[in-house]
C-alpha atoms as a PDB file:
ATOM      1  CA  MET A   1       7.778  24.714   7.399  1.00  0.00           C
ATOM      2  CA  ALA A   2       6.637  23.248   3.892  1.00  0.00           C
ATOM      3  CA  LEU A   3      10.146  23.155   2.585  1.00  0.00           C
ATOM      4  CA  GLU A   4      11.364  21.504   5.548  1.00  0.00           C
ATOM      5  CA  ALA A   5       8.657  18.615   5.258  1.00  0.00           C
ATOM      6  CA  VAL A   6       9.243  18.311   1.520  1.00  0.00           C
ATOM      7  CA  SER A   7      13.143  17.814   2.064  1.00  0.00           C
ATOM      8  CA  ARG A   8      12.528  15.609   4.978  1.00  0.00           C
ATOM      9  CA  PHE A   9      10.012  13.309   2.442  1.00  0.00           C
ATOM     10  CA  ASP A  10      12.527  13.520  -0.220  1.00  0.00           C
ATOM     11  CA  ALA A  11      15.213  12.121   2.003  1.00  0.00           C
ATOM     12  CA  ILE A  12      13.218   9.262   2.369  1.00  0.00           C
ATOM     13  CA  PHE A  13      12.096   8.670  -1.354  1.00  0.00           C
ATOM     14  CA  GLU A  14      15.729   8.991  -2.328  1.00  0.00           C
ATOM     15  CA  VAL A  15      16.696   5.990  -0.368  1.00  0.00           C
ATOM     16  CA  GLU A  16      13.464   4.323  -1.599  1.00  0.00           C
ATOM     17  CA  ARG A  17      14.483   4.914  -5.288  1.00  0.00           C
ATOM     18  CA  ALA A  18      17.611   3.549  -4.835  1.00  0.00           C
ATOM     19  CA  ILE A  19      16.387   0.166  -3.502  1.00  0.00           C
ATOM     20  CA  ASN A  20      13.420  -0.270  -5.886  1.00  0.00           C
ATOM     21  CA  GLY A  21      13.425  -3.376  -7.936  1.00  0.00           C
ATOM     22  CA  LEU A  22      15.610  -4.972  -5.226  1.00  0.00           C
ATOM     23  CA  ASP A  23      14.366  -8.338  -3.661  1.00  0.00           C
ATOM     24  CA  ALA A  24      12.350  -7.891  -0.411  1.00  0.00           C
ATOM     25  CA  ASP A  25      14.991  -8.863   2.115  1.00  0.00           C
ATOM     26  CA  THR A  26      17.397  -6.216   0.818  1.00  0.00           C
ATOM     27  CA  ARG A  27      14.899  -3.769   0.729  1.00  0.00           C
ATOM     28  CA  ARG A  28      13.848  -4.411   4.406  1.00  0.00           C
ATOM     29  CA  SER A  29      17.302  -4.293   5.634  1.00  0.00           C
ATOM     30  CA  THR A  30      18.075  -0.985   3.921  1.00  0.00           C
ATOM     31  CA  ARG A  31      14.855   0.504   5.183  1.00  0.00           C
ATOM     32  CA  GLN A  32      15.883  -0.731   8.607  1.00  0.00           C
ATOM     33  CA  ASP A  33      19.386   0.847   8.243  1.00  0.00           C
ATOM     34  CA  LEU A  34      18.580   4.149   6.559  1.00  0.00           C
ATOM     35  CA  ILE A  35      15.059   4.995   6.227  1.00  0.00           C
ATOM     36  CA  ARG A  36      13.787   4.047   9.862  1.00  0.00           C
ATOM     37  CA  PRO A  37      16.088   6.799  11.362  1.00  0.00           C
ATOM     38  CA  LEU A  38      14.939   9.244   8.639  1.00  0.00           C
ATOM     39  CA  VAL A  39      11.099   8.203   9.611  1.00  0.00           C
ATOM     40  CA  ALA A  40      11.838   8.608  13.630  1.00  0.00           C
ATOM     41  CA  ASP A  41      13.108  12.111  12.714  1.00  0.00           C
ATOM     42  CA  LEU A  42      10.054  12.979  10.677  1.00  0.00           C
ATOM     43  CA  HIS A  43       7.875  11.753  13.495  1.00  0.00           C
ATOM     44  CA  ASP A  44       9.343  13.904  16.281  1.00  0.00           C
ATOM     45  CA  TRP A  45       9.903  16.907  14.166  1.00  0.00           C
ATOM     46  CA  LEU A  46       6.180  16.594  12.772  1.00  0.00           C
ATOM     47  CA  ARG A  47       5.172  16.672  16.714  1.00  0.00           C
ATOM     48  CA  SER A  48       7.348  19.584  17.592  1.00  0.00           C
ATOM     49  CA  GLU A  49       5.835  21.539  14.880  1.00  0.00           C
ATOM     50  CA  ARG A  50       2.215  20.662  15.562  1.00  0.00           C
ATOM     51  CA  ALA A  51       3.033  21.702  19.243  1.00  0.00           C
ATOM     52  CA  ARG A  52       3.984  25.424  17.820  1.00  0.00           C
ATOM     53  CA  MET A  53       0.788  25.600  15.622  1.00  0.00           C
ATOM     54  CA  SER A  54      -2.624  26.691  16.216  1.00  0.00           C
ATOM     55  CA  LYS A  55      -5.072  23.899  16.690  1.00  0.00           C
ATOM     56  CA  HIS A  56      -7.099  25.522  13.559  1.00  0.00           C
ATOM     57  CA  ASN A  57      -4.083  25.641  11.222  1.00  0.00           C
ATOM     58  CA  PRO A  58      -5.138  23.375   8.517  1.00  0.00           C
ATOM     59  CA  VAL A  59      -1.369  21.758   8.724  1.00  0.00           C
ATOM     60  CA  THR A  60      -2.266  20.857  12.375  1.00  0.00           C
ATOM     61  CA  LYS A  61      -5.196  19.090  11.163  1.00  0.00           C
ATOM     62  CA  ALA A  62      -3.265  16.943   8.888  1.00  0.00           C
ATOM     63  CA  ILE A  63      -0.629  16.336  11.191  1.00  0.00           C
ATOM     64  CA  ASN A  64      -3.411  15.371  13.958  1.00  0.00           C
ATOM     65  CA  TYR A  65      -4.901  12.918  11.218  1.00  0.00           C
ATOM     66  CA  MET A  66      -1.503  11.072  10.873  1.00  0.00           C
ATOM     67  CA  PHE A  67      -1.163  10.802  14.716  1.00  0.00           C
ATOM     68  CA  GLU A  68      -4.559  10.760  16.214  1.00  0.00           C
ATOM     69  CA  GLU A  69      -6.293   8.198  13.954  1.00  0.00           C
ATOM     70  CA  PRO A  70      -5.874   4.828  15.791  1.00  0.00           C
ATOM     71  CA  GLY A  71      -3.098   3.037  13.761  1.00  0.00           C
ATOM     72  CA  ARG A  72      -2.620   5.489  11.211  1.00  0.00           C
ATOM     73  CA  TRP A  73       1.205   6.044  11.914  1.00  0.00           C
ATOM     74  CA  ASP A  74       1.635   2.293  12.385  1.00  0.00           C
ATOM     75  CA  ALA A  75       0.138   1.754   8.828  1.00  0.00           C
ATOM     76  CA  PHE A  76       2.219   4.671   7.480  1.00  0.00           C
ATOM     77  CA  THR A  77       5.419   2.728   8.964  1.00  0.00           C
ATOM     78  CA  ARG A  78       4.415  -0.657   8.040  1.00  0.00           C
ATOM     79  CA  PHE A  79       6.669  -0.451   5.119  1.00  0.00           C
ATOM     80  CA  LEU A  80       9.704  -0.274   7.121  1.00  0.00           C
ATOM     81  CA  ASP A  81       9.368  -3.953   8.516  1.00  0.00           C
ATOM     82  CA  ASP A  82       8.395  -5.709   5.012  1.00  0.00           C
ATOM     83  CA  GLY A  83      10.375  -5.176   2.022  1.00  0.00           C
ATOM     84  CA  ARG A  84       7.197  -6.472   0.059  1.00  0.00           C
ATOM     85  CA  ILE A  85       5.298  -3.240   0.644  1.00  0.00           C
ATOM     86  CA  CYS A  86       5.845  -0.366  -1.728  1.00  0.00           C
ATOM     87  CA  LEU A  87       6.283   3.173   0.087  1.00  0.00           C
ATOM     88  CA  THR A  88       3.652   4.415  -2.260  1.00  0.00           C
ATOM     89  CA  ASN A  89       0.433   3.334  -3.890  1.00  0.00           C
ATOM     90  CA  ASN A  90       1.448   4.745  -7.453  1.00  0.00           C
ATOM     91  CA  ALA A  91       1.109   1.034  -8.952  1.00  0.00           C
ATOM     92  CA  ALA A  92      -2.338   0.849  -7.343  1.00  0.00           C
ATOM     93  CA  GLU A  93      -3.335   4.034  -8.505  1.00  0.00           C
ATOM     94  CA  ARG A  94      -2.120   3.241 -12.192  1.00  0.00           C
ATOM     95  CA  ALA A  95      -4.045  -0.030 -11.964  1.00  0.00           C
ATOM     96  CA  LEU A  96      -7.341   1.646 -10.950  1.00  0.00           C
ATOM     97  CA  ARG A  97      -7.067   4.399 -13.293  1.00  0.00           C
ATOM     98  CA  GLY A  98      -9.225   2.106 -15.623  1.00  0.00           C
ATOM     99  CA  VAL A  99     -11.830   1.905 -12.946  1.00  0.00           C
ATOM    100  CA  ALA A 100     -11.601   5.696 -12.634  1.00  0.00           C
ATOM    101  CA  LEU A 101     -12.093   6.078 -16.692  1.00  0.00           C
ATOM    102  CA  GLY A 102     -14.914   3.785 -16.993  1.00  0.00           C
ATOM    103  CA  ARG A 103     -16.847   4.562 -13.710  1.00  0.00           C
ATOM    104  CA  LYS A 104     -20.180   4.662 -15.328  1.00  0.00           C
ATOM    105  CA  ALA A 105     -19.790   0.936 -16.441  1.00  0.00           C
ATOM    106  CA  TRP A 106     -19.145   0.500 -12.602  1.00  0.00           C
ATOM    107  CA  LEU A 107     -22.809   1.429 -11.881  1.00  0.00           C
ATOM    108  CA  PHE A 108     -23.858  -2.403 -12.426  1.00  0.00           C
ATOM    109  CA  ALA A 109     -22.591  -2.998  -8.729  1.00  0.00           C
ATOM    110  CA  GLY A 110     -25.848  -1.593  -7.592  1.00  0.00           C
ATOM    111  CA  SER A 111     -25.234  -1.323  -3.892  1.00  0.00           C
ATOM    112  CA  ALA A 112     -22.710  -0.795  -1.247  1.00  0.00           C
ATOM    113  CA  ARG A 113     -22.035  -4.440  -0.887  1.00  0.00           C
ATOM    114  CA  GLY A 114     -21.940  -4.936  -4.515  1.00  0.00           C
ATOM    115  CA  GLY A 115     -19.260  -2.248  -4.789  1.00  0.00           C
ATOM    116  CA  ASP A 116     -17.239  -3.854  -2.237  1.00  0.00           C
ATOM    117  CA  ARG A 117     -17.268  -7.055  -4.034  1.00  0.00           C
ATOM    118  CA  ALA A 118     -16.384  -5.666  -7.244  1.00  0.00           C
ATOM    119  CA  ALA A 119     -13.691  -3.831  -5.490  1.00  0.00           C
ATOM    120  CA  PHE A 120     -12.248  -6.771  -4.061  1.00  0.00           C
ATOM    121  CA  MET A 121     -12.392  -8.801  -7.183  1.00  0.00           C
ATOM    122  CA  TYR A 122     -10.726  -6.075  -9.051  1.00  0.00           C
ATOM    123  CA  SER A 123      -7.870  -5.915  -6.679  1.00  0.00           C
ATOM    124  CA  LEU A 124      -7.403  -9.609  -6.861  1.00  0.00           C
ATOM    125  CA  ILE A 125      -7.241  -9.184 -10.823  1.00  0.00           C
ATOM    126  CA  VAL A 126      -4.920  -6.291 -10.686  1.00  0.00           C
ATOM    127  CA  THR A 127      -2.577  -8.138  -8.140  1.00  0.00           C
ATOM    128  CA  ALA A 128      -2.410 -11.146 -10.556  1.00  0.00           C
ATOM    129  CA  LYS A 129      -1.582  -8.868 -13.278  1.00  0.00           C
ATOM    130  CA  MET A 130       1.316  -7.299 -11.334  1.00  0.00           C
ATOM    131  CA  ASN A 131       2.677 -10.619 -10.627  1.00  0.00           C
ATOM    132  CA  ASP A 132       2.885 -11.615 -14.449  1.00  0.00           C
ATOM    133  CA  ILE A 133      -0.219 -14.071 -13.771  1.00  0.00           C
ATOM    134  CA  ASP A 134      -2.920 -14.513 -16.516  1.00  0.00           C
ATOM    135  CA  PRO A 135      -6.067 -13.572 -13.902  1.00  0.00           C
ATOM    136  CA  GLN A 136      -8.733 -15.722 -15.956  1.00  0.00           C
ATOM    137  CA  ALA A 137      -6.116 -19.103 -15.425  1.00  0.00           C
ATOM    138  CA  TRP A 138      -5.429 -17.822 -12.027  1.00  0.00           C
ATOM    139  CA  LEU A 139      -9.016 -17.133 -10.579  1.00  0.00           C
ATOM    140  CA  ALA A 140     -10.198 -20.422 -12.766  1.00  0.00           C
ATOM    141  CA  ASP A 141      -7.353 -22.550 -11.001  1.00  0.00           C
ATOM    142  CA  VAL A 142      -8.134 -21.119  -7.448  1.00  0.00           C
ATOM    143  CA  LEU A 143     -11.811 -21.465  -7.637  1.00  0.00           C
ATOM    144  CA  ALA A 144     -11.507 -25.134  -8.323  1.00  0.00           C
ATOM    145  CA  LYS A 145      -9.114 -25.654  -5.585  1.00  0.00           C
ATOM    146  CA  LEU A 146     -10.578 -23.610  -2.824  1.00  0.00           C
ATOM    147  CA  PRO A 147     -13.208 -25.905  -1.998  1.00  0.00           C
ATOM    148  CA  ALA A 148     -10.981 -28.784  -0.961  1.00  0.00           C
ATOM    149  CA  ALA A 149      -7.940 -26.086   0.128  1.00  0.00           C
ATOM    150  CA  THR A 150      -7.261 -26.448   3.766  1.00  0.00           C
ATOM    151  CA  PRO A 151      -6.610 -23.084   5.637  1.00  0.00           C
ATOM    152  CA  SER A 152      -3.015 -23.459   5.944  1.00  0.00           C
ATOM    153  CA  ARG A 153      -2.467 -23.917   2.021  1.00  0.00           C
ATOM    154  CA  LEU A 154      -4.651 -20.752   1.485  1.00  0.00           C
ATOM    155  CA  PRO A 155      -1.527 -18.485   0.949  1.00  0.00           C
ATOM    156  CA  ASP A 156      -0.455 -20.934  -1.869  1.00  0.00           C
ATOM    157  CA  LEU A 157      -3.133 -19.746  -3.869  1.00  0.00           C
ATOM    158  CA  LEU A 158      -2.412 -15.884  -3.573  1.00  0.00           C
ATOM    159  CA  PRO A 159      -1.181 -14.631  -6.899  1.00  0.00           C
ATOM    160  CA  TRP A 160       2.156 -14.057  -5.766  1.00  0.00           C
ATOM    161  CA  ASN A 161       2.711 -17.492  -4.488  1.00  0.00           C
ATOM    162  CA  TRP A 162       0.359 -19.258  -7.128  1.00  0.00           C
ATOM    163  CA  LYS A 163       2.095 -21.739  -9.761  1.00  0.00           C
ATOM    164  CA  PRO A 164       0.255 -22.443 -12.907  1.00  0.00           C
ATOM    165  CA  LYS A 165       0.067 -26.309 -13.723  1.00  0.00           C
END
């Protein structure tokens, strides 16, 4: 079971490694052609394996987590339809490493609401950095433009669309 699962995921990652760094349209197209069938096979295989196992098996519980939680499988497969989405969250994990290393310094948040705000701001700053944007310049410009921005123009202010003056 474990070796079979690893080989199925490895086949998906092998294709993904080959398209890493290509433009979003090419990635989406390749995922549709090559990865979608692998994911469909993985889906069917996981369901058949789950049917053969005891409901108390930890692997069954992991598979149930993927299928029975509302929207979990859809969230997992979202990368197939959008070439901008990474298959893994490795970049986000690396970006958040600094937060984990300095977690004592993050105690200033003071509440769950403050922590949510800090996480939101940190994700915006890291997204700007990942798009080769100076976070301070981007944030200053966006905060200046935001009060006059119409809802239809808000996507222009996102880091991946923003252009410096």
